[in-house]
Structure formats: C-alpha cells, structure tokens
Amino acid sequence: MEDRKKGPDPWLIANLEELLAIARSMEQEAIRGYMALSDRMRRENRADLAEVFDALRLEEQGHLKNVDDWVDSRKLQHIQDVEMAEPLFDDEGAAVVAPELLDSYRAFSMAVRNEERAFVFWTYVAAHAPNDEVRQAAERMAREELGHVATLRRERRRAFHDLRRTAGTRLPVDIAALELQLADQLSKRASELSGQQAVRFGQLAEEARRRSASVSEKQFDRHRLPDQTSEAIEGRLVPLCEFLLDCYLAIAERQRDDSAQQQAQSAAGAVLACLHAVRGDS
C-alpha cells in the first residue's frame, strides 16, 4: 500500500494512475463507513436507518464501479490501494450517537456533506495539477461528485418533507436577490476578519454579486425550484449557501441546452466552494 502521508502536500497528484488509485480508495472508504453504520443500525433494531445506509453504500459501490470502468478503459494494470493522507469520509458521530437521535434526514445530510468534501477535494487537485491529463481527470471527478451531491440533496429534501409535513411562510424564490443577500453577509464577514481570510470573503462576496447580475438576465421557472421557509435562510450564511446550491442544481438538472446547463453547474460549483469556505470559517 502506497503511503500518501509524506511530503509538504500529500495531495499533489503526479499522474492519472495516482489519481484513480486515490479515487478508488475514497469510494472504498465510504463503502466501509456506510456498511459499518448499516450493521450498527440493525444491531440497534433500526431497520429503517439500516436501509438508508444500505442505499448509500450501494450508491458508493456504483461510484466505485465507474472508477474501475475508467481504469479498465485506460488499460491500467498497476493501480494500487493508497493510504489516505486524512479521512475524507466522516460519519459525524453516527457510529456512536444514540440511534434514537438519528433519522433519515440526518443520514442524508451526512452523505451530502461527504460528497461536498469530495467535490472540494477534486477541485483542489485540478487547480494544482501538474499537467493537463491530471487536471482534466480531476475536473471530471469533480463534475461526477457534483452530480452525486445533486442526487443526495434531492433525497435529503424528500426525507425532510417526510419528517416535517408542515412548513412556515414560504420565501418567494428570487435567486438574484438571494445572491445579493449572500454578498452582503459575506462582505460583513470579511469586515470582521483580517489577512487572507478577509480577502477571501471579499472575493466570495464579489462572485455572489456577479452571479446575481448574471441570474437577473435569465428567466428561471420559480415554481420548480426547491421550497424553503423564510426564517430558515434569511440573513444566515450557511442556509443561504445551501438553498442557492439546491436552486442551481435544480436548474442544471432540467436544462436541455448544454451551455445553460454548464452555466448552472458552474454557479453550483462556485456556491459549493463558498459553502465550504463559510463552514471552515465558522
């Protein structure tokens, strides 16, 4: 097993073989994690949650098959398992918390955050790739992870509505206005920080303003965007990012025009990077 823990930056990937080896290890790590959670739920007589974790395991096994198919298509014979520099799969305490405190919504929320971390990881790899082959492969992995994020967030919304049939006052979906709200909140956060963090949040605020201006030029079907209560997102950074991400993923999913779909996916990726920065700061 190759050790990726050495060196100043263990995630600088030299070639396609290394990238695919890490991709396999990430999927295998997630499969083991969900399998362990499923086994625990059955021991605790929570068959309902065991089924949720079984479904998540099967999803990850499908992802692993995609990677293996890629390995086979490139006729790569020497893909070795690697030891991850740090775990990317996080069960967020589900392995030890009382089963009574778990539900399907929390399970899917955990899965969503794991896929989001994988997306951020692959965008990092692409940004620091030593050559075009690695960059293009990492970008492909990032696009696939964004698709996984969309699938799991959809399942999470379904679980949410199953658990809470009643909702408060709905906030009319005006993406441009919400992007401006996000920009204002990011600017406020930037003013409270210093150094590179302040610069980063200022950049994120400007990106949100640019997205707002771009969205204003397009006509989106508001009735097909995700539902949300106003008190849950208004003036709050993480919920704003979460809701905007759901909006852009929903828009991308229904686009038939490749250019429009890519624009929505690009916006989703940018909001996901913003969400990652906000979570890291908080």
C-alpha atoms as a PDB file:
ATOM      1  CA  MET A   1       0.000   0.000   0.000  1.00  0.00           C
ATOM      2  CA  GLU A   2       1.411   3.345  -1.010  1.00  0.00           C
ATOM      3  CA  ASP A   3       1.719   5.940   1.751  1.00  0.00           C
ATOM      4  CA  ARG A   4       0.434   9.401   0.728  1.00  0.00           C
ATOM      5  CA  LYS A   5       1.206  10.995   4.099  1.00  0.00           C
ATOM      6  CA  LYS A   6       4.759  12.061   3.260  1.00  0.00           C
ATOM      7  CA  GLY A   7       5.834  15.404   1.860  1.00  0.00           C
ATOM      8  CA  PRO A   8       4.698  19.009   2.285  1.00  0.00           C
ATOM      9  CA  ASP A   9       1.453  18.487   0.352  1.00  0.00           C
ATOM     10  CA  PRO A  10       0.232  14.881   0.193  1.00  0.00           C
ATOM     11  CA  TRP A  11      -2.487  15.725  -2.351  1.00  0.00           C
ATOM     12  CA  LEU A  12      -0.238  16.881  -5.198  1.00  0.00           C
ATOM     13  CA  ILE A  13      -1.018  14.113  -7.686  1.00  0.00           C
ATOM     14  CA  ALA A  14       1.616  13.330 -10.302  1.00  0.00           C
ATOM     15  CA  ASN A  15      -0.245  11.216 -12.847  1.00  0.00           C
ATOM     16  CA  LEU A  16      -3.545   9.576 -13.816  1.00  0.00           C
ATOM     17  CA  GLU A  17      -2.644   6.303 -12.094  1.00  0.00           C
ATOM     18  CA  GLU A  18      -2.247   8.080  -8.740  1.00  0.00           C
ATOM     19  CA  LEU A  19      -5.499   9.976  -9.252  1.00  0.00           C
ATOM     20  CA  LEU A  20      -7.509   6.833  -9.976  1.00  0.00           C
ATOM     21  CA  ALA A  21      -5.898   4.993  -7.067  1.00  0.00           C
ATOM     22  CA  ILE A  22      -6.972   7.763  -4.708  1.00  0.00           C
ATOM     23  CA  ALA A  23     -10.457   7.834  -6.249  1.00  0.00           C
ATOM     24  CA  ARG A  24     -10.805   4.080  -5.605  1.00  0.00           C
ATOM     25  CA  SER A  25      -9.609   4.465  -2.017  1.00  0.00           C
ATOM     26  CA  MET A  26     -12.085   7.292  -1.365  1.00  0.00           C
ATOM     27  CA  GLU A  27     -15.011   5.216  -2.626  1.00  0.00           C
ATOM     28  CA  GLN A  28     -13.878   2.142  -0.673  1.00  0.00           C
ATOM     29  CA  GLU A  29     -13.589   4.256   2.477  1.00  0.00           C
ATOM     30  CA  ALA A  30     -17.176   5.450   2.060  1.00  0.00           C
ATOM     31  CA  ILE A  31     -18.435   1.923   1.358  1.00  0.00           C
ATOM     32  CA  ARG A  32     -16.833   0.633   4.562  1.00  0.00           C
ATOM     33  CA  GLY A  33     -18.254   3.552   6.524  1.00  0.00           C
ATOM     34  CA  TYR A  34     -21.836   3.055   5.342  1.00  0.00           C
ATOM     35  CA  MET A  35     -21.588  -0.709   5.787  1.00  0.00           C
ATOM     36  CA  ALA A  36     -20.491  -0.250   9.403  1.00  0.00           C
ATOM     37  CA  LEU A  37     -23.356   2.170  10.040  1.00  0.00           C
ATOM     38  CA  SER A  38     -25.868  -0.198   8.468  1.00  0.00           C
ATOM     39  CA  ASP A  39     -24.630  -3.084  10.618  1.00  0.00           C
ATOM     40  CA  ARG A  40     -24.894  -0.948  13.729  1.00  0.00           C
ATOM     41  CA  MET A  41     -28.450   0.161  12.957  1.00  0.00           C
ATOM     42  CA  ARG A  42     -29.521  -3.458  12.548  1.00  0.00           C
ATOM     43  CA  ARG A  43     -27.966  -4.363  15.882  1.00  0.00           C
ATOM     44  CA  GLU A  44     -29.907  -1.471  17.420  1.00  0.00           C
ATOM     45  CA  ASN A  45     -33.183  -2.630  15.810  1.00  0.00           C
ATOM     46  CA  ARG A  46     -33.346   0.391  13.491  1.00  0.00           C
ATOM     47  CA  ALA A  47     -34.088  -1.416  10.235  1.00  0.00           C
ATOM     48  CA  ASP A  48     -35.383   1.838   8.710  1.00  0.00           C
ATOM     49  CA  LEU A  49     -31.995   3.522   9.051  1.00  0.00           C
ATOM     50  CA  ALA A  50     -30.133   0.356   8.072  1.00  0.00           C
ATOM     51  CA  GLU A  51     -31.981   0.525   4.752  1.00  0.00           C
ATOM     52  CA  VAL A  52     -30.940   4.158   4.283  1.00  0.00           C
ATOM     53  CA  PHE A  53     -27.270   3.331   4.880  1.00  0.00           C
ATOM     54  CA  ASP A  54     -27.578   0.266   2.619  1.00  0.00           C
ATOM     55  CA  ALA A  55     -28.843   2.551  -0.156  1.00  0.00           C
ATOM     56  CA  LEU A  56     -25.936   4.931   0.416  1.00  0.00           C
ATOM     57  CA  ARG A  57     -23.487   2.013   0.304  1.00  0.00           C
ATOM     58  CA  LEU A  58     -24.964   0.833  -2.998  1.00  0.00           C
ATOM     59  CA  GLU A  59     -24.624   4.376  -4.359  1.00  0.00           C
ATOM     60  CA  GLU A  60     -20.936   4.389  -3.442  1.00  0.00           C
ATOM     61  CA  GLN A  61     -20.449   0.942  -4.967  1.00  0.00           C
ATOM     62  CA  GLY A  62     -21.836   2.375  -8.182  1.00  0.00           C
ATOM     63  CA  HIS A  63     -19.311   5.195  -7.977  1.00  0.00           C
ATOM     64  CA  LEU A  64     -16.522   2.647  -7.415  1.00  0.00           C
ATOM     65  CA  LYS A  65     -17.638   0.701 -10.481  1.00  0.00           C
ATOM     66  CA  ASN A  66     -17.426   3.891 -12.546  1.00  0.00           C
ATOM     67  CA  VAL A  67     -13.827   4.369 -11.413  1.00  0.00           C
ATOM     68  CA  ASP A  68     -12.986   0.708 -12.129  1.00  0.00           C
ATOM     69  CA  ASP A  69     -14.533   1.024 -15.594  1.00  0.00           C
ATOM     70  CA  TRP A  70     -12.321   4.056 -16.179  1.00  0.00           C
ATOM     71  CA  VAL A  71      -9.256   2.077 -15.060  1.00  0.00           C
ATOM     72  CA  ASP A  72     -10.193  -0.759 -17.428  1.00  0.00           C
ATOM     73  CA  SER A  73     -10.814   1.611 -20.339  1.00  0.00           C
ATOM     74  CA  ARG A  74      -7.306   3.030 -19.953  1.00  0.00           C
ATOM     75  CA  LYS A  75      -5.815  -0.484 -19.592  1.00  0.00           C
ATOM     76  CA  LEU A  76      -4.061   0.488 -16.372  1.00  0.00           C
ATOM     77  CA  GLN A  77      -2.732  -2.682 -14.794  1.00  0.00           C
ATOM     78  CA  HIS A  78      -0.974  -1.461 -11.656  1.00  0.00           C
ATOM     79  CA  ILE A  79      -3.495   0.602  -9.687  1.00  0.00           C
ATOM     80  CA  GLN A  80      -2.562   0.056  -6.032  1.00  0.00           C
ATOM     81  CA  ASP A  81      -4.501   0.892  -2.905  1.00  0.00           C
ATOM     82  CA  VAL A  82      -3.276   4.033  -1.176  1.00  0.00           C
ATOM     83  CA  GLU A  83      -3.358   5.125   2.429  1.00  0.00           C
ATOM     84  CA  MET A  84      -5.317   8.354   2.618  1.00  0.00           C
ATOM     85  CA  ALA A  85      -3.451  11.351   3.984  1.00  0.00           C
ATOM     86  CA  GLU A  86      -6.535  12.114   6.045  1.00  0.00           C
ATOM     87  CA  PRO A  87     -10.016  10.548   6.081  1.00  0.00           C
ATOM     88  CA  LEU A  88     -12.444  12.251   3.729  1.00  0.00           C
ATOM     89  CA  PHE A  89     -15.399  10.177   4.914  1.00  0.00           C
ATOM     90  CA  ASP A  90     -16.898  11.462   8.163  1.00  0.00           C
ATOM     91  CA  ASP A  91     -19.837   9.701   9.835  1.00  0.00           C
ATOM     92  CA  GLU A  92     -20.336  12.815  12.007  1.00  0.00           C
ATOM     93  CA  GLY A  93     -20.826  10.759  15.133  1.00  0.00           C
ATOM     94  CA  ALA A  94     -23.445   8.414  13.690  1.00  0.00           C
ATOM     95  CA  ALA A  95     -21.362   5.417  14.779  1.00  0.00           C
ATOM     96  CA  VAL A  96     -21.637   6.367  18.457  1.00  0.00           C
ATOM     97  CA  VAL A  97     -24.669   8.626  18.882  1.00  0.00           C
ATOM     98  CA  ALA A  98     -27.852   7.089  20.282  1.00  0.00           C
ATOM     99  CA  PRO A  99     -29.919   5.669  17.390  1.00  0.00           C
ATOM    100  CA  GLU A 100     -32.966   7.469  18.768  1.00  0.00           C
ATOM    101  CA  LEU A 101     -31.270  10.747  17.820  1.00  0.00           C
ATOM    102  CA  LEU A 102     -30.795   9.707  14.194  1.00  0.00           C
ATOM    103  CA  ASP A 103     -33.236   9.908  11.323  1.00  0.00           C
ATOM    104  CA  SER A 104     -33.149   9.626   7.543  1.00  0.00           C
ATOM    105  CA  TYR A 105     -32.710  13.379   7.128  1.00  0.00           C
ATOM    106  CA  ARG A 106     -29.579  13.398   9.264  1.00  0.00           C
ATOM    107  CA  ALA A 107     -28.241  10.348   7.403  1.00  0.00           C
ATOM    108  CA  PHE A 108     -28.666  12.001   4.006  1.00  0.00           C
ATOM    109  CA  SER A 109     -27.262  15.281   5.362  1.00  0.00           C
ATOM    110  CA  MET A 110     -24.114  13.438   6.385  1.00  0.00           C
ATOM    111  CA  ALA A 111     -23.887  11.835   2.940  1.00  0.00           C
ATOM    112  CA  VAL A 112     -24.350  15.218   1.244  1.00  0.00           C
ATOM    113  CA  ARG A 113     -21.516  16.765   3.233  1.00  0.00           C
ATOM    114  CA  ASN A 114     -19.222  13.851   2.409  1.00  0.00           C
ATOM    115  CA  GLU A 115     -19.887  14.270  -1.308  1.00  0.00           C
ATOM    116  CA  GLU A 116     -19.359  18.025  -0.992  1.00  0.00           C
ATOM    117  CA  ARG A 117     -15.972  17.415   0.628  1.00  0.00           C
ATOM    118  CA  ALA A 118     -15.078  15.093  -2.244  1.00  0.00           C
ATOM    119  CA  PHE A 119     -16.068  17.808  -4.741  1.00  0.00           C
ATOM    120  CA  VAL A 120     -13.867  20.365  -2.977  1.00  0.00           C
ATOM    121  CA  PHE A 121     -11.007  17.847  -2.892  1.00  0.00           C
ATOM    122  CA  TRP A 122     -11.135  17.231  -6.637  1.00  0.00           C
ATOM    123  CA  THR A 123     -11.357  20.935  -7.455  1.00  0.00           C
ATOM    124  CA  TYR A 124      -8.220  21.403  -5.323  1.00  0.00           C
ATOM    125  CA  VAL A 125      -6.475  18.611  -7.221  1.00  0.00           C
ATOM    126  CA  ALA A 126      -7.480  20.160 -10.546  1.00  0.00           C
ATOM    127  CA  ALA A 127      -6.218  23.584  -9.503  1.00  0.00           C
ATOM    128  CA  HIS A 128      -2.816  22.156  -8.538  1.00  0.00           C
ATOM    129  CA  ALA A 129      -2.495  19.563 -11.293  1.00  0.00           C
ATOM    130  CA  PRO A 130       0.999  19.193 -12.799  1.00  0.00           C
ATOM    131  CA  ASN A 131      -0.316  18.518 -16.313  1.00  0.00           C
ATOM    132  CA  ASP A 132      -3.440  18.647 -18.465  1.00  0.00           C
ATOM    133  CA  GLU A 133      -4.188  14.923 -18.127  1.00  0.00           C
ATOM    134  CA  VAL A 134      -4.415  15.100 -14.331  1.00  0.00           C
ATOM    135  CA  ARG A 135      -6.318  18.401 -14.444  1.00  0.00           C
ATOM    136  CA  GLN A 136      -8.914  17.085 -16.894  1.00  0.00           C
ATOM    137  CA  ALA A 137      -9.325  13.846 -14.913  1.00  0.00           C
ATOM    138  CA  ALA A 138      -9.754  15.768 -11.643  1.00  0.00           C
ATOM    139  CA  GLU A 139     -12.290  18.066 -13.283  1.00  0.00           C
ATOM    140  CA  ARG A 140     -14.202  15.009 -14.482  1.00  0.00           C
ATOM    141  CA  MET A 141     -14.207  13.610 -10.934  1.00  0.00           C
ATOM    142  CA  ALA A 142     -15.410  16.971  -9.610  1.00  0.00           C
ATOM    143  CA  ARG A 143     -18.294  17.015 -12.117  1.00  0.00           C
ATOM    144  CA  GLU A 144     -19.277  13.497 -11.094  1.00  0.00           C
ATOM    145  CA  GLU A 145     -19.180  14.435  -7.410  1.00  0.00           C
ATOM    146  CA  LEU A 146     -21.410  17.434  -8.154  1.00  0.00           C
ATOM    147  CA  GLY A 147     -23.889  15.013  -9.717  1.00  0.00           C
ATOM    148  CA  HIS A 148     -23.745  12.871  -6.582  1.00  0.00           C
ATOM    149  CA  VAL A 149     -24.360  15.984  -4.484  1.00  0.00           C
ATOM    150  CA  ALA A 150     -27.458  16.774  -6.545  1.00  0.00           C
ATOM    151  CA  THR A 151     -28.834  13.224  -6.132  1.00  0.00           C
ATOM    152  CA  LEU A 152     -28.296  13.108  -2.375  1.00  0.00           C
ATOM    153  CA  ARG A 153     -29.597  16.609  -1.745  1.00  0.00           C
ATOM    154  CA  ARG A 154     -32.771  15.585  -3.575  1.00  0.00           C
ATOM    155  CA  GLU A 155     -33.090  12.548  -1.296  1.00  0.00           C
ATOM    156  CA  ARG A 156     -32.426  14.755   1.711  1.00  0.00           C
ATOM    157  CA  ARG A 157     -35.243  17.115   0.692  1.00  0.00           C
ATOM    158  CA  ARG A 158     -37.580  14.133   0.357  1.00  0.00           C
ATOM    159  CA  ALA A 159     -36.577  12.943   3.828  1.00  0.00           C
ATOM    160  CA  PHE A 160     -37.103  16.441   5.213  1.00  0.00           C
ATOM    161  CA  HIS A 161     -40.631  16.660   3.830  1.00  0.00           C
ATOM    162  CA  ASP A 162     -41.397  13.171   5.103  1.00  0.00           C
ATOM    163  CA  LEU A 163     -40.344  14.240   8.600  1.00  0.00           C
ATOM    164  CA  ARG A 164     -41.943  17.688   8.529  1.00  0.00           C
ATOM    165  CA  ARG A 165     -45.129  17.852   6.538  1.00  0.00           C
ATOM    166  CA  THR A 166     -45.887  21.376   7.652  1.00  0.00           C
ATOM    167  CA  ALA A 167     -43.846  24.401   6.666  1.00  0.00           C
ATOM    168  CA  GLY A 168     -43.802  28.061   7.606  1.00  0.00           C
ATOM    169  CA  THR A 169     -44.235  31.049   5.327  1.00  0.00           C
ATOM    170  CA  ARG A 170     -42.582  30.366   2.007  1.00  0.00           C
ATOM    171  CA  LEU A 171     -39.975  32.785   0.746  1.00  0.00           C
ATOM    172  CA  PRO A 172     -40.563  33.700  -2.913  1.00  0.00           C
ATOM    173  CA  VAL A 173     -37.611  32.330  -4.836  1.00  0.00           C
ATOM    174  CA  ASP A 174     -35.681  35.260  -6.262  1.00  0.00           C
ATOM    175  CA  ILE A 175     -32.204  33.895  -6.850  1.00  0.00           C
ATOM    176  CA  ALA A 176     -30.713  37.250  -7.820  1.00  0.00           C
ATOM    177  CA  ALA A 177     -31.961  38.825  -4.592  1.00  0.00           C
ATOM    178  CA  LEU A 178     -30.720  35.889  -2.533  1.00  0.00           C
ATOM    179  CA  GLU A 179     -27.289  36.182  -4.157  1.00  0.00           C
ATOM    180  CA  LEU A 180     -27.207  39.845  -3.108  1.00  0.00           C
ATOM    181  CA  GLN A 181     -28.177  38.833   0.432  1.00  0.00           C
ATOM    182  CA  LEU A 182     -25.325  36.335   0.355  1.00  0.00           C
ATOM    183  CA  ALA A 183     -22.937  39.010  -0.920  1.00  0.00           C
ATOM    184  CA  ASP A 184     -23.921  41.356   1.898  1.00  0.00           C
ATOM    185  CA  GLN A 185     -23.418  38.640   4.510  1.00  0.00           C
ATOM    186  CA  LEU A 186     -20.040  37.703   3.039  1.00  0.00           C
ATOM    187  CA  SER A 187     -18.950  41.351   2.990  1.00  0.00           C
ATOM    188  CA  LYS A 188     -19.995  41.684   6.604  1.00  0.00           C
ATOM    189  CA  ARG A 189     -17.990  38.590   7.500  1.00  0.00           C
ATOM    190  CA  ALA A 190     -14.985  39.971   5.586  1.00  0.00           C
ATOM    191  CA  SER A 191     -15.120  43.179   7.632  1.00  0.00           C
ATOM    192  CA  GLU A 192     -14.877  41.089  10.816  1.00  0.00           C
ATOM    193  CA  LEU A 193     -11.799  39.196   9.629  1.00  0.00           C
ATOM    194  CA  SER A 194      -8.236  40.095   8.698  1.00  0.00           C
ATOM    195  CA  GLY A 195      -5.497  38.997   6.347  1.00  0.00           C
ATOM    196  CA  GLN A 196      -6.145  36.298   3.764  1.00  0.00           C
ATOM    197  CA  GLN A 197      -9.481  35.352   5.311  1.00  0.00           C
ATOM    198  CA  ALA A 198     -10.793  38.882   4.825  1.00  0.00           C
ATOM    199  CA  VAL A 199      -9.535  38.892   1.232  1.00  0.00           C
ATOM    200  CA  ARG A 200     -11.116  35.505   0.540  1.00  0.00           C
ATOM    201  CA  PHE A 201     -14.529  36.506   1.879  1.00  0.00           C
ATOM    202  CA  GLY A 202     -14.366  39.758  -0.055  1.00  0.00           C
ATOM    203  CA  GLN A 203     -13.715  37.771  -3.228  1.00  0.00           C
ATOM    204  CA  LEU A 204     -16.624  35.462  -2.469  1.00  0.00           C
ATOM    205  CA  ALA A 205     -18.880  38.488  -1.984  1.00  0.00           C
ATOM    206  CA  GLU A 206     -17.892  39.872  -5.386  1.00  0.00           C
ATOM    207  CA  GLU A 207     -18.520  36.490  -7.005  1.00  0.00           C
ATOM    208  CA  ALA A 208     -22.020  36.435  -5.467  1.00  0.00           C
ATOM    209  CA  ARG A 209     -22.728  39.909  -6.860  1.00  0.00           C
ATOM    210  CA  ARG A 210     -21.602  38.819 -10.315  1.00  0.00           C
ATOM    211  CA  ARG A 211     -23.830  35.747 -10.133  1.00  0.00           C
ATOM    212  CA  SER A 212     -26.751  37.967  -9.093  1.00  0.00           C
ATOM    213  CA  ALA A 213     -26.248  40.174 -12.139  1.00  0.00           C
ATOM    214  CA  SER A 214     -25.971  37.128 -14.392  1.00  0.00           C
ATOM    215  CA  VAL A 215     -29.106  35.498 -12.958  1.00  0.00           C
ATOM    216  CA  SER A 216     -31.060  38.728 -13.458  1.00  0.00           C
ATOM    217  CA  GLU A 217     -30.519  38.338 -17.195  1.00  0.00           C
ATOM    218  CA  LYS A 218     -32.097  34.864 -17.254  1.00  0.00           C
ATOM    219  CA  GLN A 219     -35.666  33.655 -16.766  1.00  0.00           C
ATOM    220  CA  PHE A 220     -35.913  30.721 -14.370  1.00  0.00           C
ATOM    221  CA  ASP A 221     -39.053  28.760 -13.562  1.00  0.00           C
ATOM    222  CA  ARG A 222     -39.553  29.661  -9.901  1.00  0.00           C
ATOM    223  CA  HIS A 223     -42.239  27.054  -9.347  1.00  0.00           C
ATOM    224  CA  ARG A 224     -39.794  24.224  -9.969  1.00  0.00           C
ATOM    225  CA  LEU A 225     -37.144  25.436  -7.558  1.00  0.00           C
ATOM    226  CA  PRO A 226     -36.749  23.971  -4.048  1.00  0.00           C
ATOM    227  CA  ASP A 227     -39.083  25.093  -1.275  1.00  0.00           C
ATOM    228  CA  GLN A 228     -37.723  26.761   1.824  1.00  0.00           C
ATOM    229  CA  THR A 229     -39.081  28.723   4.766  1.00  0.00           C
ATOM    230  CA  SER A 230     -38.049  32.360   5.007  1.00  0.00           C
ATOM    231  CA  GLU A 231     -36.968  32.188   8.630  1.00  0.00           C
ATOM    232  CA  ALA A 232     -34.642  29.286   7.833  1.00  0.00           C
ATOM    233  CA  ILE A 233     -32.410  31.130   5.369  1.00  0.00           C
ATOM    234  CA  GLU A 234     -32.861  34.875   5.587  1.00  0.00           C
ATOM    235  CA  GLY A 235     -29.677  36.633   6.679  1.00  0.00           C
ATOM    236  CA  ARG A 236     -27.832  33.404   7.513  1.00  0.00           C
ATOM    237  CA  LEU A 237     -24.727  32.408   5.576  1.00  0.00           C
ATOM    238  CA  VAL A 238     -24.824  28.612   5.636  1.00  0.00           C
ATOM    239  CA  PRO A 239     -28.575  28.252   4.902  1.00  0.00           C
ATOM    240  CA  LEU A 240     -28.303  30.841   2.116  1.00  0.00           C
ATOM    241  CA  CYS A 241     -25.470  28.887   0.501  1.00  0.00           C
ATOM    242  CA  GLU A 242     -27.339  25.610   0.974  1.00  0.00           C
ATOM    243  CA  PHE A 243     -30.526  26.946  -0.599  1.00  0.00           C
ATOM    244  CA  LEU A 244     -28.766  28.609  -3.538  1.00  0.00           C
ATOM    245  CA  LEU A 245     -26.852  25.409  -4.191  1.00  0.00           C
ATOM    246  CA  ASP A 246     -30.133  23.479  -4.320  1.00  0.00           C
ATOM    247  CA  CYS A 247     -31.554  26.084  -6.722  1.00  0.00           C
ATOM    248  CA  TYR A 248     -28.643  25.905  -9.155  1.00  0.00           C
ATOM    249  CA  LEU A 249     -28.562  22.106  -9.042  1.00  0.00           C
ATOM    250  CA  ALA A 250     -32.305  22.001  -9.776  1.00  0.00           C
ATOM    251  CA  ILE A 251     -31.845  24.422 -12.681  1.00  0.00           C
ATOM    252  CA  ALA A 252     -28.927  22.423 -14.113  1.00  0.00           C
ATOM    253  CA  GLU A 253     -30.862  19.184 -13.838  1.00  0.00           C
ATOM    254  CA  ARG A 254     -33.714  20.336 -16.063  1.00  0.00           C
ATOM    255  CA  GLN A 255     -31.687  22.229 -18.693  1.00  0.00           C
ATOM    256  CA  ARG A 256     -31.648  20.784 -22.190  1.00  0.00           C
ATOM    257  CA  ASP A 257     -29.260  23.371 -23.556  1.00  0.00           C
ATOM    258  CA  ASP A 258     -25.660  22.310 -22.818  1.00  0.00           C
ATOM    259  CA  SER A 259     -24.435  25.878 -22.400  1.00  0.00           C
ATOM    260  CA  ALA A 260     -27.178  26.781 -19.920  1.00  0.00           C
ATOM    261  CA  GLN A 261     -26.591  23.547 -18.022  1.00  0.00           C
ATOM    262  CA  GLN A 262     -22.867  24.258 -17.779  1.00  0.00           C
ATOM    263  CA  GLN A 263     -23.566  27.789 -16.528  1.00  0.00           C
ATOM    264  CA  ALA A 264     -25.875  26.467 -13.808  1.00  0.00           C
ATOM    265  CA  GLN A 265     -23.362  23.769 -12.862  1.00  0.00           C
ATOM    266  CA  SER A 266     -20.598  26.353 -12.731  1.00  0.00           C
ATOM    267  CA  ALA A 267     -22.710  28.509 -10.413  1.00  0.00           C
ATOM    268  CA  ALA A 268     -23.455  25.450  -8.262  1.00  0.00           C
ATOM    269  CA  GLY A 269     -19.748  24.697  -8.017  1.00  0.00           C
ATOM    270  CA  ALA A 270     -18.964  28.270  -7.021  1.00  0.00           C
ATOM    271  CA  VAL A 271     -21.659  28.273  -4.330  1.00  0.00           C
ATOM    272  CA  LEU A 272     -20.419  24.916  -3.051  1.00  0.00           C
ATOM    273  CA  ALA A 273     -16.894  26.347  -2.751  1.00  0.00           C
ATOM    274  CA  CYS A 274     -18.396  29.311  -0.877  1.00  0.00           C
ATOM    275  CA  LEU A 275     -20.267  26.947   1.428  1.00  0.00           C
ATOM    276  CA  HIS A 276     -17.032  25.102   2.146  1.00  0.00           C
ATOM    277  CA  ALA A 277     -15.253  28.360   2.988  1.00  0.00           C
ATOM    278  CA  VAL A 278     -18.084  29.512   5.255  1.00  0.00           C
ATOM    279  CA  ARG A 279     -18.165  26.199   7.105  1.00  0.00           C
ATOM    280  CA  GLY A 280     -14.411  26.263   7.509  1.00  0.00           C
ATOM    281  CA  ASP A 281     -14.528  29.786   8.904  1.00  0.00           C
ATOM    282  CA  SER A 282     -17.341  29.008  11.321  1.00  0.00           C
END
